Amino acid sequence: MALSLTEKLGAAGLLPFVATTASLYLGVDYAEPLFRLYSFAILAFMSGSCWGMAQGITDEYGAKDNTTLVAAIGVFLLGLCAYFVPLVFATGLFSLGFIILLWLEMRAIIRRVYSYRYKRLRWSLTLVVVICEAIVFSISSGILPSA
């Protein structure tokens, strides 16, 4: 089965996470600010996407999903805070933000909009991002020494 454009773009979006994680491990000077910036940019993009999706979805009574609206803004603010704290803490905050967004998207009110392939893609992308965040945490905390 051929990959959809969404799957190709999702996979391409992982490249900067993997490249900056590897660069941090190798001790490249600019890797930390790029990793931090890209983590925040993607978290902000995904928060906005989730917020936008929640705008058009109502429950069986016609009410908007206010939990998703508030949580999406909260995740954006969490990412903004993470951008300004030491990297060893930022990685945990970014990871938490990505996991919350995955949880929001998989809740019943939004889940019914997504195809199985997209749900599987989201799980996979989030897993790779959180693994990159964990590796960067390990490097920044000294658990995993740089090369």
N, C-alpha and C. Protein backbone atom coordinates (compact mmCIF):
# COMPACT_ATOMS: atom_id res chain seq x y z
N MET A 1 0.85 -1.18 0.00
CA MET A 1 0.00 0.00 0.00
C MET A 1 0.90 1.24 0.00
N ALA A 2 0.64 2.15 -0.90
CA ALA A 2 1.43 3.38 -1.02
C ALA A 2 1.13 4.31 0.15
N LEU A 3 2.15 5.05 0.54
CA LEU A 3 1.98 6.02 1.61
C LEU A 3 1.18 7.22 1.11
N SER A 4 0.31 7.72 1.95
CA SER A 4 -0.45 8.93 1.62
C SER A 4 0.46 10.15 1.80
N LEU A 5 0.02 11.27 1.29
CA LEU A 5 0.79 12.51 1.46
C LEU A 5 0.93 12.83 2.95
N THR A 6 -0.13 12.62 3.72
CA THR A 6 -0.07 12.86 5.17
C THR A 6 1.01 12.01 5.82
N GLU A 7 1.09 10.74 5.43
CA GLU A 7 2.11 9.85 6.00
C GLU A 7 3.51 10.28 5.59
N LYS A 8 3.67 10.70 4.34
CA LYS A 8 4.98 11.16 3.87
C LYS A 8 5.41 12.43 4.60
N LEU A 9 4.48 13.37 4.74
CA LEU A 9 4.80 14.62 5.44
C LEU A 9 5.07 14.36 6.93
N GLY A 10 4.32 13.47 7.52
CA GLY A 10 4.55 13.11 8.93
C GLY A 10 5.94 12.53 9.12
N ALA A 11 6.32 11.60 8.25
CA ALA A 11 7.65 11.01 8.33
C ALA A 11 8.74 12.06 8.09
N ALA A 12 8.51 12.94 7.12
CA ALA A 12 9.48 14.00 6.86
C ALA A 12 9.62 14.93 8.06
N GLY A 13 8.52 15.14 8.77
CA GLY A 13 8.55 15.99 9.96
C GLY A 13 9.38 15.41 11.09
N LEU A 14 9.63 14.11 11.05
CA LEU A 14 10.48 13.48 12.06
C LEU A 14 11.96 13.72 11.80
N LEU A 15 12.33 13.99 10.56
CA LEU A 15 13.74 14.13 10.22
C LEU A 15 14.46 15.17 11.06
N PRO A 16 13.91 16.38 11.27
CA PRO A 16 14.61 17.34 12.13
C PRO A 16 14.74 16.86 13.59
N PHE A 17 13.76 16.12 14.09
CA PHE A 17 13.89 15.58 15.45
C PHE A 17 15.07 14.61 15.51
N VAL A 18 15.13 13.69 14.57
CA VAL A 18 16.18 12.68 14.55
C VAL A 18 17.54 13.33 14.28
N ALA A 19 17.59 14.25 13.33
CA ALA A 19 18.86 14.90 12.98
C ALA A 19 19.41 15.74 14.13
N THR A 20 18.55 16.50 14.80
CA THR A 20 19.06 17.33 15.91
C THR A 20 19.38 16.47 17.13
N THR A 21 18.67 15.37 17.32
CA THR A 21 19.03 14.45 18.41
C THR A 21 20.41 13.86 18.15
N ALA A 22 20.65 13.40 16.94
CA ALA A 22 21.97 12.85 16.59
C ALA A 22 23.05 13.93 16.70
N SER A 23 22.72 15.14 16.27
CA SER A 23 23.68 16.25 16.35
C SER A 23 24.03 16.59 17.79
N LEU A 24 23.04 16.54 18.66
CA LEU A 24 23.31 16.78 20.09
C LEU A 24 24.25 15.70 20.63
N TYR A 25 23.99 14.47 20.26
CA TYR A 25 24.84 13.37 20.70
C TYR A 25 26.28 13.56 20.21
N LEU A 26 26.41 14.07 18.99
CA LEU A 26 27.73 14.29 18.40
C LEU A 26 28.39 15.58 18.87
N GLY A 27 27.65 16.39 19.66
CA GLY A 27 28.22 17.61 20.22
C GLY A 27 28.22 18.81 19.29
N VAL A 28 27.36 18.81 18.29
CA VAL A 28 27.28 19.93 17.36
C VAL A 28 26.73 21.15 18.11
N ASP A 29 27.40 22.30 17.95
CA ASP A 29 27.08 23.49 18.73
C ASP A 29 25.63 23.97 18.59
N TYR A 30 25.12 24.04 17.39
CA TYR A 30 23.80 24.62 17.16
C TYR A 30 22.65 23.64 17.40
N ALA A 31 22.94 22.42 17.74
CA ALA A 31 21.91 21.38 17.83
C ALA A 31 20.88 21.66 18.94
N GLU A 32 21.34 22.12 20.09
CA GLU A 32 20.39 22.33 21.19
C GLU A 32 19.34 23.39 20.86
N PRO A 33 19.71 24.59 20.41
CA PRO A 33 18.65 25.57 20.09
C PRO A 33 17.74 25.11 18.95
N LEU A 34 18.29 24.38 17.98
CA LEU A 34 17.44 23.88 16.89
C LEU A 34 16.46 22.82 17.40
N PHE A 35 16.94 21.93 18.26
CA PHE A 35 16.05 20.90 18.82
C PHE A 35 14.94 21.55 19.63
N ARG A 36 15.31 22.49 20.46
CA ARG A 36 14.33 23.19 21.30
C ARG A 36 13.32 23.95 20.44
N LEU A 37 13.80 24.67 19.44
CA LEU A 37 12.92 25.45 18.56
C LEU A 37 11.98 24.53 17.77
N TYR A 38 12.51 23.45 17.22
CA TYR A 38 11.68 22.55 16.43
C TYR A 38 10.65 21.86 17.31
N SER A 39 11.04 21.46 18.51
CA SER A 39 10.07 20.85 19.44
C SER A 39 8.93 21.81 19.72
N PHE A 40 9.27 23.07 19.99
CA PHE A 40 8.21 24.05 20.26
C PHE A 40 7.37 24.32 19.02
N ALA A 41 8.01 24.46 17.88
CA ALA A 41 7.26 24.77 16.65
C ALA A 41 6.26 23.66 16.32
N ILE A 42 6.68 22.42 16.41
CA ILE A 42 5.77 21.32 16.09
C ILE A 42 4.69 21.19 17.15
N LEU A 43 5.04 21.38 18.42
CA LEU A 43 4.03 21.33 19.48
C LEU A 43 2.99 22.44 19.28
N ALA A 44 3.44 23.64 18.91
CA ALA A 44 2.51 24.75 18.65
C ALA A 44 1.63 24.45 17.44
N PHE A 45 2.23 23.92 16.38
CA PHE A 45 1.47 23.55 15.18
C PHE A 45 0.41 22.51 15.50
N MET A 46 0.81 21.48 16.23
CA MET A 46 -0.14 20.40 16.57
C MET A 46 -1.22 20.90 17.53
N SER A 47 -0.87 21.78 18.44
CA SER A 47 -1.87 22.37 19.33
C SER A 47 -2.90 23.16 18.54
N GLY A 48 -2.42 23.96 17.59
CA GLY A 48 -3.32 24.73 16.75
C GLY A 48 -4.21 23.84 15.90
N SER A 49 -3.65 22.76 15.38
CA SER A 49 -4.45 21.81 14.60
C SER A 49 -5.54 21.18 15.45
N CYS A 50 -5.18 20.80 16.65
CA CYS A 50 -6.14 20.18 17.57
C CYS A 50 -7.23 21.19 17.96
N TRP A 51 -6.83 22.42 18.22
CA TRP A 51 -7.78 23.48 18.57
C TRP A 51 -8.73 23.73 17.40
N GLY A 52 -8.16 23.80 16.20
CA GLY A 52 -8.99 24.02 15.02
C GLY A 52 -9.97 22.89 14.77
N MET A 53 -9.52 21.65 14.97
CA MET A 53 -10.39 20.49 14.80
C MET A 53 -11.54 20.56 15.80
N ALA A 54 -11.23 20.92 17.03
CA ALA A 54 -12.27 20.97 18.08
C ALA A 54 -13.30 22.06 17.80
N GLN A 55 -12.94 23.09 17.02
CA GLN A 55 -13.89 24.15 16.69
C GLN A 55 -15.09 23.62 15.92
N GLY A 56 -14.84 22.62 15.08
CA GLY A 56 -15.90 22.14 14.20
C GLY A 56 -16.61 20.89 14.69
N ILE A 57 -16.28 20.42 15.88
CA ILE A 57 -16.87 19.18 16.37
C ILE A 57 -17.76 19.46 17.57
N THR A 58 -18.93 18.88 17.53
CA THR A 58 -19.85 19.00 18.67
C THR A 58 -20.23 17.59 19.13
N ASP A 59 -20.67 17.49 20.37
CA ASP A 59 -21.12 16.20 20.86
C ASP A 59 -22.56 15.94 20.41
N GLU A 60 -23.14 14.86 20.90
CA GLU A 60 -24.49 14.50 20.46
C GLU A 60 -25.55 15.53 20.84
N TYR A 61 -25.21 16.45 21.74
CA TYR A 61 -26.15 17.49 22.17
C TYR A 61 -25.88 18.83 21.50
N GLY A 62 -24.89 18.87 20.62
CA GLY A 62 -24.57 20.10 19.91
C GLY A 62 -23.59 21.00 20.63
N ALA A 63 -23.02 20.52 21.74
CA ALA A 63 -22.06 21.33 22.51
C ALA A 63 -20.64 21.13 21.96
N LYS A 64 -19.87 22.22 21.95
CA LYS A 64 -18.47 22.13 21.53
C LYS A 64 -17.68 21.37 22.58
N ASP A 65 -16.56 20.82 22.14
CA ASP A 65 -15.66 20.08 23.03
C ASP A 65 -14.74 21.08 23.74
N ASN A 66 -15.23 21.70 24.80
CA ASN A 66 -14.46 22.73 25.50
C ASN A 66 -13.19 22.18 26.13
N THR A 67 -13.20 20.91 26.54
CA THR A 67 -12.00 20.32 27.14
C THR A 67 -10.85 20.37 26.14
N THR A 68 -11.13 19.98 24.91
CA THR A 68 -10.08 19.98 23.89
C THR A 68 -9.62 21.40 23.58
N LEU A 69 -10.55 22.33 23.51
CA LEU A 69 -10.18 23.73 23.23
C LEU A 69 -9.24 24.27 24.30
N VAL A 70 -9.59 24.09 25.55
CA VAL A 70 -8.78 24.60 26.66
C VAL A 70 -7.45 23.85 26.74
N ALA A 71 -7.49 22.53 26.60
CA ALA A 71 -6.26 21.74 26.71
C ALA A 71 -5.29 22.06 25.58
N ALA A 72 -5.80 22.30 24.37
CA ALA A 72 -4.91 22.63 23.26
C ALA A 72 -4.17 23.94 23.53
N ILE A 73 -4.87 24.93 24.05
CA ILE A 73 -4.21 26.19 24.41
C ILE A 73 -3.23 25.96 25.56
N GLY A 74 -3.62 25.13 26.52
CA GLY A 74 -2.74 24.80 27.63
C GLY A 74 -1.45 24.14 27.17
N VAL A 75 -1.56 23.24 26.19
CA VAL A 75 -0.37 22.56 25.66
C VAL A 75 0.54 23.57 24.95
N PHE A 76 -0.05 24.49 24.21
CA PHE A 76 0.75 25.54 23.57
C PHE A 76 1.52 26.32 24.64
N LEU A 77 0.84 26.73 25.71
CA LEU A 77 1.50 27.49 26.78
C LEU A 77 2.56 26.66 27.49
N LEU A 78 2.31 25.36 27.66
CA LEU A 78 3.29 24.46 28.24
C LEU A 78 4.55 24.44 27.37
N GLY A 79 4.35 24.35 26.06
CA GLY A 79 5.48 24.36 25.13
C GLY A 79 6.24 25.68 25.17
N LEU A 80 5.52 26.78 25.29
CA LEU A 80 6.16 28.09 25.38
C LEU A 80 7.03 28.16 26.63
N CYS A 81 6.52 27.69 27.74
CA CYS A 81 7.31 27.65 28.98
C CYS A 81 8.53 26.73 28.81
N ALA A 82 8.31 25.57 28.18
CA ALA A 82 9.40 24.61 27.99
C ALA A 82 10.54 25.21 27.18
N TYR A 83 10.19 26.07 26.26
CA TYR A 83 11.20 26.69 25.41
C TYR A 83 12.23 27.48 26.23
N PHE A 84 11.81 28.01 27.37
CA PHE A 84 12.66 28.90 28.15
C PHE A 84 13.32 28.26 29.38
N VAL A 85 13.07 27.00 29.64
CA VAL A 85 13.69 26.35 30.80
C VAL A 85 14.89 25.52 30.33
N PRO A 86 15.76 25.11 31.26
CA PRO A 86 16.89 24.27 30.86
C PRO A 86 16.42 23.02 30.10
N LEU A 87 17.24 22.60 29.15
CA LEU A 87 16.86 21.51 28.25
C LEU A 87 16.49 20.24 29.01
N VAL A 88 17.15 19.97 30.10
CA VAL A 88 16.87 18.75 30.86
C VAL A 88 15.40 18.73 31.35
N PHE A 89 14.83 19.91 31.62
CA PHE A 89 13.41 20.00 32.02
C PHE A 89 12.51 20.15 30.79
N ALA A 90 13.00 20.87 29.79
CA ALA A 90 12.21 21.13 28.59
C ALA A 90 11.80 19.83 27.90
N THR A 91 12.70 18.86 27.87
CA THR A 91 12.39 17.59 27.19
C THR A 91 11.19 16.90 27.82
N GLY A 92 11.10 16.94 29.13
CA GLY A 92 9.95 16.34 29.81
C GLY A 92 8.67 17.10 29.53
N LEU A 93 8.76 18.42 29.53
CA LEU A 93 7.57 19.24 29.25
C LEU A 93 7.10 19.08 27.81
N PHE A 94 8.05 19.06 26.88
CA PHE A 94 7.67 18.84 25.48
C PHE A 94 7.03 17.46 25.31
N SER A 95 7.64 16.45 25.92
CA SER A 95 7.07 15.09 25.83
C SER A 95 5.66 15.05 26.38
N LEU A 96 5.46 15.67 27.52
CA LEU A 96 4.13 15.73 28.12
C LEU A 96 3.14 16.39 27.16
N GLY A 97 3.56 17.48 26.54
CA GLY A 97 2.69 18.17 25.58
C GLY A 97 2.31 17.29 24.41
N PHE A 98 3.28 16.57 23.84
CA PHE A 98 2.98 15.69 22.70
C PHE A 98 2.05 14.55 23.11
N ILE A 99 2.23 14.03 24.31
CA ILE A 99 1.38 12.94 24.79
C ILE A 99 -0.04 13.45 25.05
N ILE A 100 -0.15 14.63 25.63
CA ILE A 100 -1.49 15.21 25.86
C ILE A 100 -2.22 15.43 24.53
N LEU A 101 -1.51 15.93 23.54
CA LEU A 101 -2.15 16.15 22.23
C LEU A 101 -2.60 14.83 21.62
N LEU A 102 -1.79 13.79 21.74
CA LEU A 102 -2.20 12.48 21.23
C LEU A 102 -3.46 12.02 21.96
N TRP A 103 -3.48 12.17 23.27
CA TRP A 103 -4.65 11.78 24.06
C TRP A 103 -5.89 12.58 23.63
N LEU A 104 -5.72 13.88 23.43
CA LEU A 104 -6.85 14.70 22.99
C LEU A 104 -7.38 14.22 21.64
N GLU A 105 -6.48 13.93 20.72
CA GLU A 105 -6.92 13.51 19.40
C GLU A 105 -7.56 12.13 19.41
N MET A 106 -7.21 11.31 20.36
CA MET A 106 -7.75 9.95 20.40
C MET A 106 -9.02 9.85 21.26
N ARG A 107 -9.42 10.95 21.88
CA ARG A 107 -10.68 10.95 22.64
C ARG A 107 -11.84 10.75 21.67
N ALA A 108 -12.92 10.22 22.15
CA ALA A 108 -14.05 9.82 21.32
C ALA A 108 -14.57 10.93 20.43
N ILE A 109 -14.61 12.16 20.93
CA ILE A 109 -15.25 13.24 20.17
C ILE A 109 -14.46 13.60 18.91
N ILE A 110 -13.14 13.44 18.93
CA ILE A 110 -12.33 13.74 17.75
C ILE A 110 -11.98 12.46 17.00
N ARG A 111 -11.83 11.37 17.73
CA ARG A 111 -11.43 10.10 17.14
C ARG A 111 -12.31 9.69 15.98
N ARG A 112 -13.59 10.01 16.05
CA ARG A 112 -14.51 9.57 15.00
C ARG A 112 -14.24 10.27 13.66
N VAL A 113 -13.44 11.32 13.66
CA VAL A 113 -13.11 12.05 12.44
C VAL A 113 -11.94 11.38 11.71
N TYR A 114 -11.04 10.75 12.43
CA TYR A 114 -9.80 10.24 11.86
C TYR A 114 -9.95 8.81 11.34
N SER A 115 -9.19 8.51 10.29
CA SER A 115 -9.14 7.14 9.77
C SER A 115 -8.20 6.31 10.64
N TYR A 116 -8.29 5.01 10.46
CA TYR A 116 -7.40 4.10 11.19
C TYR A 116 -5.94 4.39 10.84
N ARG A 117 -5.67 4.63 9.56
CA ARG A 117 -4.29 4.89 9.14
C ARG A 117 -3.74 6.15 9.80
N TYR A 118 -4.57 7.19 9.92
CA TYR A 118 -4.09 8.41 10.56
C TYR A 118 -3.85 8.17 12.05
N LYS A 119 -4.73 7.44 12.70
CA LYS A 119 -4.54 7.14 14.13
C LYS A 119 -3.23 6.38 14.35
N ARG A 120 -2.97 5.39 13.50
CA ARG A 120 -1.74 4.62 13.60
C ARG A 120 -0.53 5.53 13.36
N LEU A 121 -0.64 6.42 12.38
CA LEU A 121 0.44 7.37 12.09
C LEU A 121 0.71 8.25 13.30
N ARG A 122 -0.33 8.80 13.90
CA ARG A 122 -0.16 9.69 15.06
C ARG A 122 0.54 8.98 16.21
N TRP A 123 0.14 7.74 16.48
CA TRP A 123 0.80 6.97 17.54
C TRP A 123 2.29 6.80 17.22
N SER A 124 2.60 6.44 16.00
CA SER A 124 3.98 6.20 15.60
C SER A 124 4.82 7.47 15.66
N LEU A 125 4.28 8.56 15.13
CA LEU A 125 5.01 9.83 15.16
C LEU A 125 5.28 10.28 16.59
N THR A 126 4.25 10.20 17.43
CA THR A 126 4.43 10.62 18.82
C THR A 126 5.46 9.74 19.53
N LEU A 127 5.44 8.45 19.26
CA LEU A 127 6.41 7.55 19.87
C LEU A 127 7.84 7.94 19.50
N VAL A 128 8.08 8.20 18.22
CA VAL A 128 9.43 8.59 17.79
C VAL A 128 9.85 9.92 18.41
N VAL A 129 8.93 10.89 18.46
CA VAL A 129 9.25 12.19 19.05
C VAL A 129 9.58 12.04 20.53
N VAL A 130 8.80 11.28 21.26
CA VAL A 130 9.04 11.10 22.70
C VAL A 130 10.36 10.35 22.92
N ILE A 131 10.69 9.41 22.06
CA ILE A 131 11.99 8.73 22.16
C ILE A 131 13.12 9.72 21.94
N CYS A 132 13.00 10.59 20.94
CA CYS A 132 14.01 11.63 20.71
C CYS A 132 14.14 12.54 21.93
N GLU A 133 13.00 12.95 22.49
CA GLU A 133 13.02 13.80 23.69
C GLU A 133 13.72 13.07 24.84
N ALA A 134 13.48 11.77 24.99
CA ALA A 134 14.11 10.98 26.06
C ALA A 134 15.62 10.87 25.84
N ILE A 135 16.04 10.69 24.61
CA ILE A 135 17.48 10.63 24.32
C ILE A 135 18.13 11.97 24.63
N VAL A 136 17.48 13.06 24.22
CA VAL A 136 18.03 14.39 24.49
C VAL A 136 18.07 14.65 26.00
N PHE A 137 17.04 14.20 26.72
CA PHE A 137 17.06 14.30 28.19
C PHE A 137 18.29 13.56 28.72
N SER A 138 18.51 12.35 28.22
CA SER A 138 19.65 11.54 28.70
C SER A 138 20.97 12.22 28.41
N ILE A 139 21.08 12.86 27.27
CA ILE A 139 22.31 13.59 26.92
C ILE A 139 22.47 14.82 27.81
N SER A 140 21.39 15.60 27.95
CA SER A 140 21.48 16.87 28.70
C SER A 140 21.65 16.65 30.20
N SER A 141 21.24 15.49 30.69
CA SER A 141 21.39 15.21 32.12
C SER A 141 22.68 14.45 32.42
N GLY A 142 23.41 14.07 31.39
CA GLY A 142 24.67 13.36 31.57
C GLY A 142 24.54 11.85 31.69
N ILE A 143 23.32 11.34 31.61
CA ILE A 143 23.12 9.89 31.66
C ILE A 143 23.76 9.22 30.45
N LEU A 144 23.58 9.84 29.29
CA LEU A 144 24.19 9.36 28.04
C LEU A 144 25.21 10.41 27.62
N PRO A 145 26.48 10.10 27.76
CA PRO A 145 27.50 11.10 27.39
C PRO A 145 27.52 11.34 25.88
N SER A 146 27.84 12.56 25.51
CA SER A 146 28.00 12.89 24.09
C SER A 146 29.20 12.16 23.52
N ALA A 147 29.18 11.99 22.21
CA ALA A 147 30.30 11.29 21.55
C ALA A 147 31.55 12.12 21.56
